[in-house]
C-alpha atoms as a PDB file:
ATOM      1  CA  MET A   1     120.715 100.760 121.002  1.00  0.00           C
ATOM      2  CA  THR A   2     120.555  98.167 117.550  1.00  0.00           C
ATOM      3  CA  ASN A   3     117.504 100.613 116.373  1.00  0.00           C
ATOM      4  CA  MET A   4     120.159 103.863 116.604  1.00  0.00           C
ATOM      5  CA  ILE A   5     122.987 102.345 115.811  1.00  0.00           C
ATOM      6  CA  GLN A   6     121.463 101.681 112.240  1.00  0.00           C
ATOM      7  CA  LYS A   7     119.869 104.782 112.354  1.00  0.00           C
ATOM      8  CA  ILE A   8     122.826 106.506 112.279  1.00  0.00           C
ATOM      9  CA  ALA A   9     124.969 104.128 109.793  1.00  0.00           C
ATOM     10  CA  GLY A  10     122.168 104.530 107.298  1.00  0.00           C
ATOM     11  CA  LEU A  11     121.166 101.555 107.249  1.00  0.00           C
ATOM     12  CA  SER A  12     117.743 101.262 108.801  1.00  0.00           C
ATOM     13  CA  GLY A  13     115.970  98.387 107.614  1.00  0.00           C
ATOM     14  CA  MET A  14     118.436  96.970 105.966  1.00  0.00           C
ATOM     15  CA  THR A  15     119.659  94.354 108.602  1.00  0.00           C
ATOM     16  CA  ASP A  16     116.866  91.799 108.136  1.00  0.00           C
ATOM     17  CA  GLN A  17     118.236  92.009 104.259  1.00  0.00           C
ATOM     18  CA  VAL A  18     121.689  91.689 104.342  1.00  0.00           C
ATOM     19  CA  ILE A  19     121.316  88.884 106.713  1.00  0.00           C
ATOM     20  CA  ALA A  20     118.527  86.825 104.550  1.00  0.00           C
ATOM     21  CA  THR A  21     121.210  87.946 101.386  1.00  0.00           C
ATOM     22  CA  ASP A  22     123.815  86.137 103.077  1.00  0.00           C
ATOM     23  CA  PHE A  23     122.088  82.750 103.830  1.00  0.00           C
ATOM     24  CA  LEU A  24     120.625  82.664 100.396  1.00  0.00           C
ATOM     25  CA  ILE A  25     124.173  82.960  99.141  1.00  0.00           C
ATOM     26  CA  ASN A  26     125.316  80.063 101.348  1.00  0.00           C
ATOM     27  CA  ALA A  27     122.406  77.994 100.912  1.00  0.00           C
ATOM     28  CA  LYS A  28     123.319  78.606  96.715  1.00  0.00           C
ATOM     29  CA  SER A  29     126.814  77.191  97.796  1.00  0.00           C
ATOM     30  CA  ALA A  30     125.968  74.687 100.007  1.00  0.00           C
ATOM     31  CA  VAL A  31     123.419  72.907  96.618  1.00  0.00           C
ATOM     32  CA  ARG A  32     126.641  73.433  94.931  1.00  0.00           C
ATOM     33  CA  ASN A  33     129.565  72.356  96.969  1.00  0.00           C
ATOM     34  CA  LEU A  34     126.575  68.976  97.713  1.00  0.00           C
ATOM     35  CA  THR A  35     125.799  68.384  94.024  1.00  0.00           C
ATOM     36  CA  PHE A  36     129.688  68.358  93.441  1.00  0.00           C
ATOM     37  CA  ALA A  37     130.165  66.308  96.497  1.00  0.00           C
ATOM     38  CA  LEU A  38     127.361  63.544  95.326  1.00  0.00           C
ATOM     39  CA  THR A  39     129.040  63.128  91.537  1.00  0.00           C
ATOM     40  CA  GLU A  40     132.473  62.540  93.593  1.00  0.00           C
ATOM     41  CA  SER A  41     131.184  60.053  96.311  1.00  0.00           C
ATOM     42  CA  VAL A  42     131.897  56.131  96.090  1.00  0.00           C
ATOM     43  CA  THR A  43     129.001  54.072  97.998  1.00  0.00           C
ATOM     44  CA  PRO A  44     125.188  54.324  97.823  1.00  0.00           C
ATOM     45  CA  GLU A  45     125.161  55.050 101.419  1.00  0.00           C
ATOM     46  CA  ALA A  46     127.323  58.426 101.262  1.00  0.00           C
ATOM     47  CA  ARG A  47     125.458  58.911  97.725  1.00  0.00           C
ATOM     48  CA  ASP A  48     122.058  58.510 100.222  1.00  0.00           C
ATOM     49  CA  VAL A  49     122.927  61.340 102.847  1.00  0.00           C
ATOM     50  CA  LEU A  50     124.406  63.221 100.193  1.00  0.00           C
ATOM     51  CA  ARG A  51     121.048  63.519  98.455  1.00  0.00           C
ATOM     52  CA  GLU A  52     119.253  63.865 101.409  1.00  0.00           C
ATOM     53  CA  GLN A  53     121.479  67.028 101.980  1.00  0.00           C
ATOM     54  CA  LEU A  54     121.048  67.844  99.151  1.00  0.00           C
ATOM     55  CA  ASN A  55     117.323  68.310  98.964  1.00  0.00           C
ATOM     56  CA  ASP A  56     117.401  70.010 102.334  1.00  0.00           C
ATOM     57  CA  ALA A  57     119.710  72.508 101.021  1.00  0.00           C
ATOM     58  CA  ILE A  58     116.926  73.186  97.964  1.00  0.00           C
ATOM     59  CA  GLU A  59     113.861  73.176 100.440  1.00  0.00           C
ATOM     60  CA  ALA A  60     116.001  75.920 102.395  1.00  0.00           C
ATOM     61  CA  HIS A  61     117.407  77.913  99.453  1.00  0.00           C
ATOM     62  CA  GLU A  62     113.311  77.796  98.243  1.00  0.00           C
ATOM     63  CA  ARG A  63     112.280  79.218 101.587  1.00  0.00           C
ATOM     64  CA  ILE A  64     114.896  81.665 101.770  1.00  0.00           C
ATOM     65  CA  SER A  65     114.455  83.051  98.616  1.00  0.00           C
ATOM     66  CA  GLN A  66     110.134  83.153  98.975  1.00  0.00           C
ATOM     67  CA  TYR A  67     111.278  85.091 102.038  1.00  0.00           C
ATOM     68  CA  MET A  68     113.063  87.762 100.492  1.00  0.00           C
ATOM     69  CA  ILE A  69     110.430  88.424  97.669  1.00  0.00           C
ATOM     70  CA  GLU A  70     107.819  88.211  99.930  1.00  0.00           C
ATOM     71  CA  LYS A  71     109.690  90.962 101.595  1.00  0.00           C
ATOM     72  CA  GLY A  72     110.925  92.956  98.399  1.00  0.00           C
ATOM     73  CA  TYR A  73     114.247  92.266  98.939  1.00  0.00           C
ATOM     74  CA  TYR A  74     115.187  89.827  96.038  1.00  0.00           C
ATOM     75  CA  HIS A  75     113.234  90.078  92.417  1.00  0.00           C
ATOM     76  CA  PRO A  76     115.046  86.963  90.385  1.00  0.00           C
ATOM     77  CA  SER A  77     112.361  87.844  87.497  1.00  0.00           C
ATOM     78  CA  ASN A  78     112.698  91.311  87.072  1.00  0.00           C
ATOM     79  CA  LEU A  79     116.215  92.231  86.475  1.00  0.00           C
ATOM     80  CA  ASP A  80     115.886  96.071  86.983  1.00  0.00           C
ATOM     81  CA  GLU A  81     114.245  96.212  90.481  1.00  0.00           C
ATOM     82  CA  GLN A  82     117.040  94.075  91.411  1.00  0.00           C
ATOM     83  CA  MET A  83     119.376  96.178  90.611  1.00  0.00           C
ATOM     84  CA  LYS A  84     117.635  99.160  92.307  1.00  0.00           C
ATOM     85  CA  ILE A  85     117.992  97.144  95.186  1.00  0.00           C
ATOM     86  CA  GLU A  86     121.701  95.753  94.806  1.00  0.00           C
ATOM     87  CA  GLU A  87     122.808  99.659  93.963  1.00  0.00           C
ATOM     88  CA  LYS A  88     120.992 100.657  97.384  1.00  0.00           C
ATOM     89  CA  ALA A  89     123.053  98.146  99.605  1.00  0.00           C
ATOM     90  CA  ALA A  90     126.376  99.398  97.811  1.00  0.00           C
ATOM     91  CA  LYS A  91     125.667 102.815  98.392  1.00  0.00           C
ATOM     92  CA  ALA A  92     124.501 101.838 102.266  1.00  0.00           C
ATOM     93  CA  ALA A  93     128.143  99.922 101.853  1.00  0.00           C
ATOM     94  CA  LEU A  94     129.872 102.683 100.380  1.00  0.00           C
ATOM     95  CA  LYS A  95     128.858 105.135 103.227  1.00  0.00           C
ATOM     96  CA  LEU A  96     129.979 102.535 106.048  1.00  0.00           C
ATOM     97  CA  ALA A  97     133.332 102.533 104.599  1.00  0.00           C
ATOM     98  CA  LYS A  98     133.696 106.391 104.723  1.00  0.00           C
END
């Protein structure tokens, strides 16, 4: 049933990309927020915990990025290709809004 709904909505094959993109954005946010928290922490124990969490978040970001690059969803080194992907996603979003 999900595949049929995706085809009707014009999103066939985009669901994984949308989920991965959302996951990548959240991973980037986690890195930023943990970095900020680390610079504001006072105790060595808190800094140790935050460093460990920051390293985990950086590793997650790397794994998600590599997955997206391998699938062709993300082109961090090729702006033209990335713009094509962003344009396709924007068109799909506009189509859903109609």
